[in-house]
Amino acid sequence: MINTWSTLGVFEGELFTSVHLTEKGALLNALEDMLMFLGIDENPEEALDRHFDGEPAPCYDLAEMYKMNRQQLSTLFNQWAEITWDNDEGYQIEIYKTPVKV
């Protein structure tokens, strides 16, 4: 039995998923998706101002995220996920550990 990690998300009623061999890969995928949903990939300054109102934001640099370990990414995932909880588009994303028989 091996473990895989799946991201499962929903946006405007449409489901999407991806499967990863590592938890780190699933976390990076989910973080990138959240940043795109929040508009940080297109216009970081405007999006950060809209969501944080001048307060310091969690890391949003994907290159820096790739250097982080699993625990750091998990903390970052929780920080960004909290920002997405209250939205009008029905967006949400979660990560699930899934054992697979080989």
Protein backbone atom coordinates (compact mmCIF):
# COMPACT_ATOMS: atom_id res chain seq x y z
CA MET A 1 0.00 0.00 0.00
CA ILE A 2 1.29 3.47 -0.87
CA ASN A 3 -0.10 6.84 0.04
CA THR A 4 -1.09 9.50 -2.44
CA TRP A 5 -2.39 12.97 -1.70
CA SER A 6 -5.35 14.38 -3.59
CA THR A 7 -6.49 17.95 -3.83
CA LEU A 8 -10.23 18.28 -4.18
CA GLY A 9 -11.73 21.66 -4.90
CA VAL A 10 -14.91 23.30 -5.99
CA PHE A 11 -15.43 26.60 -7.80
CA GLU A 12 -18.85 27.87 -8.86
CA GLY A 13 -20.28 24.37 -8.42
CA GLU A 14 -17.63 22.67 -10.57
CA LEU A 15 -15.41 20.04 -8.93
CA PHE A 16 -11.71 19.68 -9.73
CA THR A 17 -9.05 17.34 -8.43
CA SER A 18 -5.40 16.38 -8.78
CA VAL A 19 -3.41 13.45 -7.41
CA HIS A 20 0.15 13.72 -6.08
CA LEU A 21 2.78 11.23 -4.93
CA THR A 22 3.87 13.58 -2.14
CA GLU A 23 2.00 15.71 0.34
CA LYS A 24 4.35 18.57 -0.53
CA GLY A 25 3.26 18.37 -4.18
CA ALA A 26 -0.42 18.50 -3.18
CA LEU A 27 0.22 21.46 -0.87
CA LEU A 28 2.08 23.38 -3.58
CA ASN A 29 -0.70 22.69 -6.08
CA ALA A 30 -3.40 23.82 -3.65
CA LEU A 31 -1.48 26.94 -2.65
CA GLU A 32 -0.98 27.94 -6.27
CA ASP A 33 -4.68 27.43 -6.95
CA MET A 34 -5.69 29.55 -3.94
CA LEU A 35 -3.36 32.36 -5.02
CA MET A 36 -4.90 32.30 -8.51
CA PHE A 37 -8.41 32.35 -7.04
CA LEU A 38 -7.52 35.37 -4.89
CA GLY A 39 -5.99 37.18 -7.89
CA ILE A 40 -2.51 37.31 -6.42
CA ASP A 41 -0.93 35.76 -9.51
CA GLU A 42 -2.19 38.60 -11.75
CA ASN A 43 -1.93 41.71 -9.57
CA PRO A 44 -0.31 40.98 -6.19
CA GLU A 45 -0.39 44.52 -4.82
CA GLU A 46 -4.08 45.07 -5.51
CA ALA A 47 -5.09 41.59 -4.30
CA LEU A 48 -3.04 41.81 -1.11
CA ASP A 49 -4.49 45.23 -0.34
CA ARG A 50 -8.01 43.90 -0.92
CA HIS A 51 -7.54 40.84 1.30
CA PHE A 52 -5.18 42.16 3.98
CA ASP A 53 -5.89 45.90 4.15
CA GLY A 54 -2.26 46.82 4.78
CA GLU A 55 -1.59 43.96 7.21
CA PRO A 56 1.32 41.60 6.49
CA ALA A 57 0.35 38.71 4.21
CA PRO A 58 1.61 35.13 4.34
CA CYS A 59 4.22 34.13 1.74
CA TYR A 60 2.83 34.26 -1.81
CA ASP A 61 6.07 33.67 -3.73
CA LEU A 62 5.88 30.22 -5.34
CA ALA A 63 9.66 30.06 -5.76
CA GLU A 64 10.03 30.52 -2.00
CA MET A 65 7.32 27.93 -1.34
CA TYR A 66 9.25 25.30 -3.31
CA LYS A 67 12.10 25.75 -0.81
CA MET A 68 9.81 25.10 2.18
CA ASN A 69 9.34 21.75 3.89
CA ARG A 70 6.02 19.96 4.31
CA GLN A 71 5.29 21.40 7.77
CA GLN A 72 5.95 24.97 6.62
CA LEU A 73 3.71 24.46 3.58
CA SER A 74 0.97 22.96 5.74
CA THR A 75 0.99 26.04 7.97
CA LEU A 76 0.97 28.30 4.91
CA PHE A 77 -1.89 26.30 3.37
CA ASN A 78 -3.98 26.84 6.51
CA GLN A 79 -3.22 30.58 6.51
CA TRP A 80 -4.30 31.02 2.89
CA ALA A 81 -7.27 28.65 3.18
CA GLU A 82 -8.73 30.78 5.96
CA ILE A 83 -8.77 33.76 3.57
CA THR A 84 -10.87 31.77 1.08
CA TRP A 85 -13.51 30.58 3.54
CA ASP A 86 -15.88 33.50 3.03
CA ASN A 87 -16.34 33.95 -0.71
CA ASP A 88 -19.31 34.34 -3.05
CA GLU A 89 -18.04 31.90 -5.70
CA GLY A 90 -18.30 28.78 -3.53
CA TYR A 91 -14.54 28.22 -3.80
CA GLN A 92 -12.91 25.74 -1.47
CA ILE A 93 -9.99 23.36 -1.66
CA GLU A 94 -8.88 20.50 0.60
CA ILE A 95 -6.13 17.90 0.63
CA TYR A 96 -6.82 14.24 1.36
CA LYS A 97 -4.39 11.42 2.08
CA THR A 98 -5.47 8.39 0.07
CA PRO A 99 -3.96 4.91 0.47
CA VAL A 100 -3.68 2.95 -2.78
CA LYS A 101 -3.13 -0.79 -3.09
CA VAL A 102 -0.35 -1.76 -5.47
